[in-house]
Structure formats: C-alpha cells, structure tokens
Amino acid sequence: MAALTLGLSTTAHAEENCSDSSDNGGAKATFKAYGEHLLVDDVFADGHSAIGHIEIYGDGHYWYWNRNGADSGVRDVNLSIAEGTTVHVGAFLGNWDGTTTGGIDFNSNNVIPYCIGTA
C-alpha cells in the first residue's frame, strides 16, 4: 500500500510551451512555461503591429503589443502565473489606436482553438 501512495503523491503537472502565429505569419506569440514568459514577435515589416493574446484560466484575457516594428526584436513579457494553470495563446495583427484592444484585427487569426500551454 505504501508504494501505491508514493506513486500517487509524486504525480506532477508538466509545464508546456505553446506558440501561435497570425494567419499570414506576420505576428507570432510564444508562451514559455519555464519562468512564464510571453514572447511577441513582429515577423514582417508590413506596417502592422504584432499582438500577443493570452487567456490565463481563472484570471482573464491580456493583450500585449509589439509596436516597434519587425526589426526591433521580440517583446518579452515576464508574467506571474501559478504552476499548473492552463493558458490559451493567440497572435494577431493590428494598428495601435491608443487603447489595449482597439485597432486589433480580430480576423487576422482565425485558427480556433489557439494553442494551449500550461504554466
């Protein structure tokens, strides 16, 4: 009986990375489970910003813009997410209008569901 108890108590939830791109590939969002980072990459110099979206179960939806252009590098957002939490990640294109969700082209990523990761 002790061996069975030991086996059940050592079960762990694995961290899982996740990556998604906009339909044209111009925006990419990658969730790195170790350290909980969301990387937002503007891949093409097409005049649009890249937006990374993350839904953290039990916490809400967050939108992170990389408005600096394709040659500026990847935006690294350091998050704090409880271990074992499921996240959905998506990548979109947009034109910044001064608000977090205004200017997002929600039709730029029609893949459903977006990628699923675990912190």
C-alpha atoms as a PDB file:
ATOM      1  CA  MET A   1       0.000   0.000   0.000  1.00  0.00           C
ATOM      2  CA  ALA A   2       2.906   2.391   0.717  1.00  0.00           C
ATOM      3  CA  ALA A   3       4.193   2.033  -2.853  1.00  0.00           C
ATOM      4  CA  LEU A   4       0.792   2.949  -4.265  1.00  0.00           C
ATOM      5  CA  THR A   5       0.560   6.028  -2.040  1.00  0.00           C
ATOM      6  CA  LEU A   6       4.059   7.099  -3.018  1.00  0.00           C
ATOM      7  CA  GLY A   7       3.196   6.725  -6.713  1.00  0.00           C
ATOM      8  CA  LEU A   8       0.113   8.894  -6.406  1.00  0.00           C
ATOM      9  CA  SER A   9       1.812  11.612  -4.382  1.00  0.00           C
ATOM     10  CA  THR A  10       4.665  12.109  -6.894  1.00  0.00           C
ATOM     11  CA  THR A  11       2.403  12.805  -9.885  1.00  0.00           C
ATOM     12  CA  ALA A  12       3.187  16.273 -11.255  1.00  0.00           C
ATOM     13  CA  HIS A  13       1.604  18.510 -13.865  1.00  0.00           C
ATOM     14  CA  ALA A  14       4.100  19.104 -16.687  1.00  0.00           C
ATOM     15  CA  GLU A  15       4.847  22.609 -17.942  1.00  0.00           C
ATOM     16  CA  GLU A  16       4.009  23.027 -21.609  1.00  0.00           C
ATOM     17  CA  ASN A  17       5.211  25.653 -24.113  1.00  0.00           C
ATOM     18  CA  CYS A  18       2.903  26.945 -26.797  1.00  0.00           C
ATOM     19  CA  SER A  19       3.237  29.060 -29.970  1.00  0.00           C
ATOM     20  CA  ASP A  20       0.761  30.623 -32.406  1.00  0.00           C
ATOM     21  CA  SER A  21       1.015  32.825 -35.500  1.00  0.00           C
ATOM     22  CA  SER A  22      -1.395  35.155 -37.255  1.00  0.00           C
ATOM     23  CA  ASP A  23      -2.901  33.741 -40.445  1.00  0.00           C
ATOM     24  CA  ASN A  24      -0.309  35.458 -42.682  1.00  0.00           C
ATOM     25  CA  GLY A  25       2.577  34.669 -40.315  1.00  0.00           C
ATOM     26  CA  GLY A  26       3.305  38.352 -39.630  1.00  0.00           C
ATOM     27  CA  ALA A  27       2.756  38.088 -35.882  1.00  0.00           C
ATOM     28  CA  LYS A  28       3.925  35.320 -33.572  1.00  0.00           C
ATOM     29  CA  ALA A  29       3.176  34.770 -29.876  1.00  0.00           C
ATOM     30  CA  THR A  30       5.058  32.164 -27.866  1.00  0.00           C
ATOM     31  CA  PHE A  31       4.375  31.145 -24.283  1.00  0.00           C
ATOM     32  CA  LYS A  32       7.428  29.800 -22.453  1.00  0.00           C
ATOM     33  CA  ALA A  33       6.220  27.853 -19.430  1.00  0.00           C
ATOM     34  CA  TYR A  34       9.520  27.970 -17.548  1.00  0.00           C
ATOM     35  CA  GLY A  35       9.531  31.436 -15.980  1.00  0.00           C
ATOM     36  CA  GLU A  36       6.146  32.265 -17.559  1.00  0.00           C
ATOM     37  CA  HIS A  37       7.176  34.481 -20.471  1.00  0.00           C
ATOM     38  CA  LEU A  38       5.065  35.612 -23.414  1.00  0.00           C
ATOM     39  CA  LEU A  39       7.209  36.493 -26.442  1.00  0.00           C
ATOM     40  CA  VAL A  40       5.568  38.733 -29.058  1.00  0.00           C
ATOM     41  CA  ASP A  41       7.373  38.863 -32.402  1.00  0.00           C
ATOM     42  CA  ASP A  42       6.605  41.207 -35.307  1.00  0.00           C
ATOM     43  CA  VAL A  43       7.856  38.958 -38.101  1.00  0.00           C
ATOM     44  CA  PHE A  44       7.145  41.046 -41.239  1.00  0.00           C
ATOM     45  CA  ALA A  45       7.790  44.734 -41.913  1.00  0.00           C
ATOM     46  CA  ASP A  46       4.226  45.184 -43.191  1.00  0.00           C
ATOM     47  CA  GLY A  47       3.179  48.336 -41.308  1.00  0.00           C
ATOM     48  CA  HIS A  48       1.134  46.380 -38.736  1.00  0.00           C
ATOM     49  CA  SER A  49       1.948  45.778 -35.101  1.00  0.00           C
ATOM     50  CA  ALA A  50       2.110  42.272 -33.652  1.00  0.00           C
ATOM     51  CA  ILE A  51      -0.173  41.464 -30.728  1.00  0.00           C
ATOM     52  CA  GLY A  52       0.120  38.527 -28.371  1.00  0.00           C
ATOM     53  CA  HIS A  53      -3.034  37.453 -26.571  1.00  0.00           C
ATOM     54  CA  ILE A  54      -3.016  35.228 -23.517  1.00  0.00           C
ATOM     55  CA  GLU A  55      -6.011  33.911 -21.631  1.00  0.00           C
ATOM     56  CA  ILE A  56      -4.992  32.772 -18.171  1.00  0.00           C
ATOM     57  CA  TYR A  57      -7.678  30.469 -16.801  1.00  0.00           C
ATOM     58  CA  GLY A  58      -9.183  31.890 -13.648  1.00  0.00           C
ATOM     59  CA  ASP A  59      -7.556  35.291 -14.210  1.00  0.00           C
ATOM     60  CA  GLY A  60      -8.660  36.776 -17.555  1.00  0.00           C
ATOM     61  CA  HIS A  61      -7.555  37.924 -21.008  1.00  0.00           C
ATOM     62  CA  TYR A  62      -4.462  40.046 -21.660  1.00  0.00           C
ATOM     63  CA  TRP A  63      -3.207  41.731 -24.846  1.00  0.00           C
ATOM     64  CA  TYR A  64       0.459  42.661 -25.348  1.00  0.00           C
ATOM     65  CA  TRP A  65       1.569  44.791 -28.288  1.00  0.00           C
ATOM     66  CA  ASN A  66       4.907  44.820 -30.065  1.00  0.00           C
ATOM     67  CA  ARG A  67       4.594  48.229 -31.789  1.00  0.00           C
ATOM     68  CA  ASN A  68       8.283  48.773 -32.503  1.00  0.00           C
ATOM     69  CA  GLY A  69       8.435  47.093 -35.909  1.00  0.00           C
ATOM     70  CA  ALA A  70       9.864  43.920 -37.370  1.00  0.00           C
ATOM     71  CA  ASP A  71      13.488  44.970 -36.930  1.00  0.00           C
ATOM     72  CA  SER A  72      13.131  45.855 -33.230  1.00  0.00           C
ATOM     73  CA  GLY A  73      13.307  42.342 -31.800  1.00  0.00           C
ATOM     74  CA  VAL A  74      10.916  40.284 -29.749  1.00  0.00           C
ATOM     75  CA  ARG A  75       8.923  41.792 -26.878  1.00  0.00           C
ATOM     76  CA  ASP A  76       9.421  39.629 -23.785  1.00  0.00           C
ATOM     77  CA  VAL A  77       6.616  39.934 -21.225  1.00  0.00           C
ATOM     78  CA  ASN A  78       7.524  38.410 -17.857  1.00  0.00           C
ATOM     79  CA  LEU A  79       4.316  37.025 -16.345  1.00  0.00           C
ATOM     80  CA  SER A  80       3.485  35.545 -12.969  1.00  0.00           C
ATOM     81  CA  ILE A  81       1.218  32.527 -13.390  1.00  0.00           C
ATOM     82  CA  ALA A  82       0.576  29.782 -10.847  1.00  0.00           C
ATOM     83  CA  GLU A  83       2.096  26.418 -11.706  1.00  0.00           C
ATOM     84  CA  GLY A  84      -0.346  24.078 -13.420  1.00  0.00           C
ATOM     85  CA  THR A  85      -2.524  26.899 -14.802  1.00  0.00           C
ATOM     86  CA  THR A  86      -3.772  26.409 -18.363  1.00  0.00           C
ATOM     87  CA  VAL A  87      -3.309  29.254 -20.832  1.00  0.00           C
ATOM     88  CA  HIS A  88      -4.540  29.907 -24.369  1.00  0.00           C
ATOM     89  CA  VAL A  89      -2.237  31.946 -26.622  1.00  0.00           C
ATOM     90  CA  GLY A  90      -3.008  33.701 -29.904  1.00  0.00           C
ATOM     91  CA  ALA A  91      -1.225  36.098 -32.274  1.00  0.00           C
ATOM     92  CA  PHE A  92      -2.894  38.973 -34.120  1.00  0.00           C
ATOM     93  CA  LEU A  93      -2.067  41.978 -36.292  1.00  0.00           C
ATOM     94  CA  GLY A  94      -3.205  45.488 -35.502  1.00  0.00           C
ATOM     95  CA  ASN A  95      -2.783  49.227 -35.812  1.00  0.00           C
ATOM     96  CA  TRP A  96      -2.299  50.933 -32.444  1.00  0.00           C
ATOM     97  CA  ASP A  97      -5.029  53.450 -31.624  1.00  0.00           C
ATOM     98  CA  GLY A  98      -4.046  54.212 -28.033  1.00  0.00           C
ATOM     99  CA  THR A  99      -6.093  51.511 -26.308  1.00  0.00           C
ATOM    100  CA  THR A 100      -5.247  47.931 -25.390  1.00  0.00           C
ATOM    101  CA  THR A 101      -7.807  46.208 -27.616  1.00  0.00           C
ATOM    102  CA  GLY A 102      -8.651  48.974 -30.106  1.00  0.00           C
ATOM    103  CA  GLY A 103      -7.058  48.557 -33.503  1.00  0.00           C
ATOM    104  CA  ILE A 104      -6.707  44.758 -33.291  1.00  0.00           C
ATOM    105  CA  ASP A 105      -7.634  42.943 -36.490  1.00  0.00           C
ATOM    106  CA  PHE A 106      -9.510  40.048 -34.899  1.00  0.00           C
ATOM    107  CA  ASN A 107      -9.861  38.449 -38.348  1.00  0.00           C
ATOM    108  CA  SER A 108      -6.072  38.153 -38.679  1.00  0.00           C
ATOM    109  CA  ASN A 109      -6.121  34.859 -36.748  1.00  0.00           C
ATOM    110  CA  ASN A 110      -8.955  32.504 -37.494  1.00  0.00           C
ATOM    111  CA  VAL A 111      -7.351  29.364 -36.026  1.00  0.00           C
ATOM    112  CA  ILE A 112      -9.584  28.024 -33.264  1.00  0.00           C
ATOM    113  CA  PRO A 113      -8.660  26.964 -30.692  1.00  0.00           C
ATOM    114  CA  TYR A 114      -5.456  28.891 -30.241  1.00  0.00           C
ATOM    115  CA  CYS A 115      -2.523  26.990 -28.799  1.00  0.00           C
ATOM    116  CA  ILE A 116      -2.849  25.686 -25.259  1.00  0.00           C
ATOM    117  CA  GLY A 117       0.014  25.741 -22.762  1.00  0.00           C
ATOM    118  CA  THR A 118       0.468  25.037 -19.078  1.00  0.00           C
ATOM    119  CA  ALA A 119       2.447  27.130 -16.593  1.00  0.00           C
END
